[in-house]
Amino acid sequence: MMTDMQYFEDKASGFVIVALKYGDDLFQCLEQVARACDVHTGVLTSGIGSLTEAYIHTVDSNDYPPKEKYLRLQGPLEVVQFGGIIADYAPHIHISLWDENRNYFGGHVHEGCKVLALSEISIHKLGELRLTRKATDDSGIQHLVRA
């Protein structure tokens, strides 16, 4: 993947700041930064920007496990906010978006969320806590557990 992504790590504070540009894939870049900066476990504390397109999913029922609905959205899309957890280097990110008509969309981020003007992200890398995800019941849903 070609990207103009930049990241800036402040090892003393545990923060990594990520700067994405036009065409960067939000999810893929977060995966790359987690590996490059050794963010085994971290908290995505803020995320802003804009997207040309998005691929997200949301729950679509109260069943357990819930049914899911996948959405491909065309931009321009304003990123109101996104955040989440990185566990075992894998980001689990949820995003809030406005389209050009001010319709609101939110859900789980997948590959295919492409940056428009920019995206700026802060990640707090946790020094000692190690988390991973695994199914803890028959639903198959991956919950956070200690690694």
C-alpha atoms as a PDB file:
ATOM      1  CA  MET A   1       0.000   0.000   0.000  1.00  0.00           C
ATOM      2  CA  MET A   2       1.342   3.414  -0.982  1.00  0.00           C
ATOM      3  CA  THR A   3       0.799   6.071   1.669  1.00  0.00           C
ATOM      4  CA  ASP A   4       2.036   9.486   2.691  1.00  0.00           C
ATOM      5  CA  MET A   5       1.219   8.646   6.304  1.00  0.00           C
ATOM      6  CA  GLN A   6       3.386  10.199   8.984  1.00  0.00           C
ATOM      7  CA  TYR A   7       3.498   9.403  12.677  1.00  0.00           C
ATOM      8  CA  PHE A   8       5.246  11.049  15.581  1.00  0.00           C
ATOM      9  CA  GLU A   9       5.992   9.125  18.757  1.00  0.00           C
ATOM     10  CA  ASP A  10       6.605  10.706  22.181  1.00  0.00           C
ATOM     11  CA  LYS A  11       8.055   7.727  24.024  1.00  0.00           C
ATOM     12  CA  ALA A  12       8.155   9.557  27.370  1.00  0.00           C
ATOM     13  CA  SER A  13       4.390  10.163  27.386  1.00  0.00           C
ATOM     14  CA  GLY A  14       3.369   7.034  25.481  1.00  0.00           C
ATOM     15  CA  PHE A  15       1.543   9.033  22.796  1.00  0.00           C
ATOM     16  CA  VAL A  16       1.700   8.507  19.048  1.00  0.00           C
ATOM     17  CA  ILE A  17       0.249  11.170  16.739  1.00  0.00           C
ATOM     18  CA  VAL A  18      -0.727   9.992  13.249  1.00  0.00           C
ATOM     19  CA  ALA A  19      -1.160  12.319  10.253  1.00  0.00           C
ATOM     20  CA  LEU A  20      -2.923  10.882   7.196  1.00  0.00           C
ATOM     21  CA  LYS A  21      -3.329  12.460   3.772  1.00  0.00           C
ATOM     22  CA  TYR A  22      -5.514  12.131   0.682  1.00  0.00           C
ATOM     23  CA  GLY A  23      -6.113   8.531  -0.336  1.00  0.00           C
ATOM     24  CA  ASP A  24      -4.713   6.878   2.792  1.00  0.00           C
ATOM     25  CA  ASP A  25      -6.803   3.976   4.121  1.00  0.00           C
ATOM     26  CA  LEU A  26      -7.651   4.816   7.731  1.00  0.00           C
ATOM     27  CA  PHE A  27      -7.819   1.230   9.027  1.00  0.00           C
ATOM     28  CA  GLN A  28      -4.742  -0.042   7.180  1.00  0.00           C
ATOM     29  CA  CYS A  29      -2.676   2.910   8.393  1.00  0.00           C
ATOM     30  CA  LEU A  30      -3.708   2.326  12.011  1.00  0.00           C
ATOM     31  CA  GLU A  31      -2.650  -1.324  11.692  1.00  0.00           C
ATOM     32  CA  GLN A  32       0.724  -0.215  10.291  1.00  0.00           C
ATOM     33  CA  VAL A  33       1.310   2.354  13.039  1.00  0.00           C
ATOM     34  CA  ALA A  34       0.425  -0.162  15.771  1.00  0.00           C
ATOM     35  CA  ARG A  35       3.172  -2.475  14.472  1.00  0.00           C
ATOM     36  CA  ALA A  36       5.722   0.245  13.679  1.00  0.00           C
ATOM     37  CA  CYS A  37       5.432   1.859  17.136  1.00  0.00           C
ATOM     38  CA  ASP A  38       4.957  -1.431  19.021  1.00  0.00           C
ATOM     39  CA  VAL A  39       1.472  -0.491  20.244  1.00  0.00           C
ATOM     40  CA  HIS A  40       0.476  -3.919  21.514  1.00  0.00           C
ATOM     41  CA  THR A  41      -2.260  -2.343  23.653  1.00  0.00           C
ATOM     42  CA  GLY A  42      -3.423   1.247  23.338  1.00  0.00           C
ATOM     43  CA  VAL A  43      -6.322   3.663  23.372  1.00  0.00           C
ATOM     44  CA  LEU A  44      -7.219   5.697  20.314  1.00  0.00           C
ATOM     45  CA  THR A  45      -8.011   8.894  22.226  1.00  0.00           C
ATOM     46  CA  SER A  46      -9.076  11.114  19.327  1.00  0.00           C
ATOM     47  CA  GLY A  47      -9.552  11.053  15.594  1.00  0.00           C
ATOM     48  CA  ILE A  48     -10.772  13.726  13.194  1.00  0.00           C
ATOM     49  CA  GLY A  49     -10.713  14.428   9.472  1.00  0.00           C
ATOM     50  CA  SER A  50     -12.667  13.802   6.293  1.00  0.00           C
ATOM     51  CA  LEU A  51     -13.227  10.835   3.969  1.00  0.00           C
ATOM     52  CA  THR A  52     -13.972  10.346   0.275  1.00  0.00           C
ATOM     53  CA  GLU A  53     -15.650   7.029   1.079  1.00  0.00           C
ATOM     54  CA  ALA A  54     -16.276   4.788   4.065  1.00  0.00           C
ATOM     55  CA  TYR A  55     -16.945   1.131   4.735  1.00  0.00           C
ATOM     56  CA  ILE A  56     -18.490   0.516   8.161  1.00  0.00           C
ATOM     57  CA  HIS A  57     -20.849  -1.870   9.875  1.00  0.00           C
ATOM     58  CA  THR A  58     -23.396  -1.462  12.622  1.00  0.00           C
ATOM     59  CA  VAL A  59     -25.667  -3.755  14.614  1.00  0.00           C
ATOM     60  CA  ASP A  60     -29.013  -4.406  12.950  1.00  0.00           C
ATOM     61  CA  SER A  61     -30.914  -6.363  15.621  1.00  0.00           C
ATOM     62  CA  ASN A  62     -31.192  -6.969  19.354  1.00  0.00           C
ATOM     63  CA  ASP A  63     -30.379 -10.656  18.850  1.00  0.00           C
ATOM     64  CA  TYR A  64     -27.281 -12.050  20.562  1.00  0.00           C
ATOM     65  CA  PRO A  65     -25.096 -12.147  18.677  1.00  0.00           C
ATOM     66  CA  PRO A  66     -26.639  -9.227  16.798  1.00  0.00           C
ATOM     67  CA  LYS A  67     -27.160  -9.228  13.063  1.00  0.00           C
ATOM     68  CA  GLU A  68     -24.919  -6.736  11.302  1.00  0.00           C
ATOM     69  CA  LYS A  69     -25.523  -4.263   8.498  1.00  0.00           C
ATOM     70  CA  TYR A  70     -22.624  -3.219   6.251  1.00  0.00           C
ATOM     71  CA  LEU A  71     -22.621   0.245   4.707  1.00  0.00           C
ATOM     72  CA  ARG A  72     -20.559   1.665   1.847  1.00  0.00           C
ATOM     73  CA  LEU A  73     -20.835   5.427   2.019  1.00  0.00           C
ATOM     74  CA  GLN A  74     -19.720   7.892  -0.643  1.00  0.00           C
ATOM     75  CA  GLY A  75     -18.241  11.247   0.352  1.00  0.00           C
ATOM     76  CA  PRO A  76     -17.624  13.847   1.037  1.00  0.00           C
ATOM     77  CA  LEU A  77     -17.867  12.686   4.656  1.00  0.00           C
ATOM     78  CA  GLU A  78     -16.879  14.758   7.688  1.00  0.00           C
ATOM     79  CA  VAL A  79     -15.401  12.724  10.529  1.00  0.00           C
ATOM     80  CA  VAL A  80     -17.051  14.014  13.686  1.00  0.00           C
ATOM     81  CA  GLN A  81     -14.968  11.717  15.923  1.00  0.00           C
ATOM     82  CA  PHE A  82     -13.597   8.217  16.125  1.00  0.00           C
ATOM     83  CA  GLY A  83     -12.012   6.197  18.869  1.00  0.00           C
ATOM     84  CA  GLY A  84     -11.360   2.704  20.095  1.00  0.00           C
ATOM     85  CA  ILE A  85      -8.913   0.179  21.494  1.00  0.00           C
ATOM     86  CA  ILE A  86      -5.851  -1.503  20.033  1.00  0.00           C
ATOM     87  CA  ALA A  87      -5.360  -4.988  21.486  1.00  0.00           C
ATOM     88  CA  ASP A  88      -2.664  -7.402  20.330  1.00  0.00           C
ATOM     89  CA  TYR A  89      -1.818  -4.820  17.626  1.00  0.00           C
ATOM     90  CA  ALA A  90      -5.357  -5.020  16.164  1.00  0.00           C
ATOM     91  CA  PRO A  91      -7.443  -1.800  16.079  1.00  0.00           C
ATOM     92  CA  HIS A  92     -11.152  -1.931  16.981  1.00  0.00           C
ATOM     93  CA  ILE A  93     -12.393   1.506  15.946  1.00  0.00           C
ATOM     94  CA  HIS A  94     -15.842   3.117  15.814  1.00  0.00           C
ATOM     95  CA  ILE A  95     -16.495   6.269  13.817  1.00  0.00           C
ATOM     96  CA  SER A  96     -19.108   9.045  13.623  1.00  0.00           C
ATOM     97  CA  LEU A  97     -19.670  10.652  10.201  1.00  0.00           C
ATOM     98  CA  TRP A  98     -21.758  13.408   8.558  1.00  0.00           C
ATOM     99  CA  ASP A  99     -22.489  13.327   4.856  1.00  0.00           C
ATOM    100  CA  GLU A 100     -22.963  16.424   2.678  1.00  0.00           C
ATOM    101  CA  ASN A 101     -26.686  16.508   3.585  1.00  0.00           C
ATOM    102  CA  ARG A 102     -25.881  16.327   7.314  1.00  0.00           C
ATOM    103  CA  ASN A 103     -27.116  12.753   7.637  1.00  0.00           C
ATOM    104  CA  TYR A 104     -25.386  10.982  10.513  1.00  0.00           C
ATOM    105  CA  PHE A 105     -23.755   7.554  10.249  1.00  0.00           C
ATOM    106  CA  GLY A 106     -21.774   5.611  12.801  1.00  0.00           C
ATOM    107  CA  GLY A 107     -20.259   2.199  13.160  1.00  0.00           C
ATOM    108  CA  HIS A 108     -17.267  -0.104  13.151  1.00  0.00           C
ATOM    109  CA  VAL A 109     -14.405   0.906  10.794  1.00  0.00           C
ATOM    110  CA  HIS A 110     -13.194  -1.506   8.085  1.00  0.00           C
ATOM    111  CA  GLU A 111     -10.631  -1.238   5.310  1.00  0.00           C
ATOM    112  CA  GLY A 112     -12.034   1.083   2.656  1.00  0.00           C
ATOM    113  CA  CYS A 113     -12.293   4.319   4.669  1.00  0.00           C
ATOM    114  CA  LYS A 114     -10.278   6.639   2.408  1.00  0.00           C
ATOM    115  CA  VAL A 115      -8.993  10.016   3.619  1.00  0.00           C
ATOM    116  CA  LEU A 116     -10.098  13.176   1.792  1.00  0.00           C
ATOM    117  CA  ALA A 117      -8.251  16.273   3.082  1.00  0.00           C
ATOM    118  CA  LEU A 118      -6.591  14.821   6.183  1.00  0.00           C
ATOM    119  CA  SER A 119      -7.021  12.734   9.284  1.00  0.00           C
ATOM    120  CA  GLU A 120      -5.285  13.382  12.609  1.00  0.00           C
ATOM    121  CA  ILE A 121      -5.231  10.685  15.256  1.00  0.00           C
ATOM    122  CA  SER A 122      -3.823  10.336  18.757  1.00  0.00           C
ATOM    123  CA  ILE A 123      -3.019   6.959  20.288  1.00  0.00           C
ATOM    124  CA  HIS A 124      -2.009   6.393  23.906  1.00  0.00           C
ATOM    125  CA  LYS A 125       0.308   3.395  24.035  1.00  0.00           C
ATOM    126  CA  LEU A 126      -0.078   1.472  27.298  1.00  0.00           C
ATOM    127  CA  GLY A 127       3.218   0.448  28.824  1.00  0.00           C
ATOM    128  CA  GLU A 128       2.381  -2.583  30.949  1.00  0.00           C
ATOM    129  CA  LEU A 129      -1.179  -3.703  30.297  1.00  0.00           C
ATOM    130  CA  ARG A 130      -1.464  -6.337  27.546  1.00  0.00           C
ATOM    131  CA  LEU A 131      -4.886  -7.132  26.099  1.00  0.00           C
ATOM    132  CA  THR A 132      -6.121  -9.395  23.337  1.00  0.00           C
ATOM    133  CA  ARG A 133      -9.560 -10.432  22.071  1.00  0.00           C
ATOM    134  CA  LYS A 134     -11.116 -13.863  22.261  1.00  0.00           C
ATOM    135  CA  ALA A 135     -14.521 -15.465  22.260  1.00  0.00           C
ATOM    136  CA  THR A 136     -15.693 -15.913  25.843  1.00  0.00           C
ATOM    137  CA  ASP A 137     -19.045 -17.572  25.032  1.00  0.00           C
ATOM    138  CA  ASP A 138     -20.759 -19.426  22.192  1.00  0.00           C
ATOM    139  CA  SER A 139     -21.639 -16.200  20.328  1.00  0.00           C
ATOM    140  CA  GLY A 140     -18.209 -15.955  18.722  1.00  0.00           C
ATOM    141  CA  ILE A 141     -17.991 -12.276  19.729  1.00  0.00           C
ATOM    142  CA  GLN A 142     -14.405 -11.346  20.531  1.00  0.00           C
ATOM    143  CA  HIS A 143     -14.172  -9.724  23.978  1.00  0.00           C
ATOM    144  CA  LEU A 144     -11.184  -8.024  25.572  1.00  0.00           C
ATOM    145  CA  VAL A 145      -9.160 -10.255  27.912  1.00  0.00           C
ATOM    146  CA  ARG A 146      -5.687 -10.078  29.406  1.00  0.00           C
ATOM    147  CA  ALA A 147      -3.048 -11.390  27.021  1.00  0.00           C
END
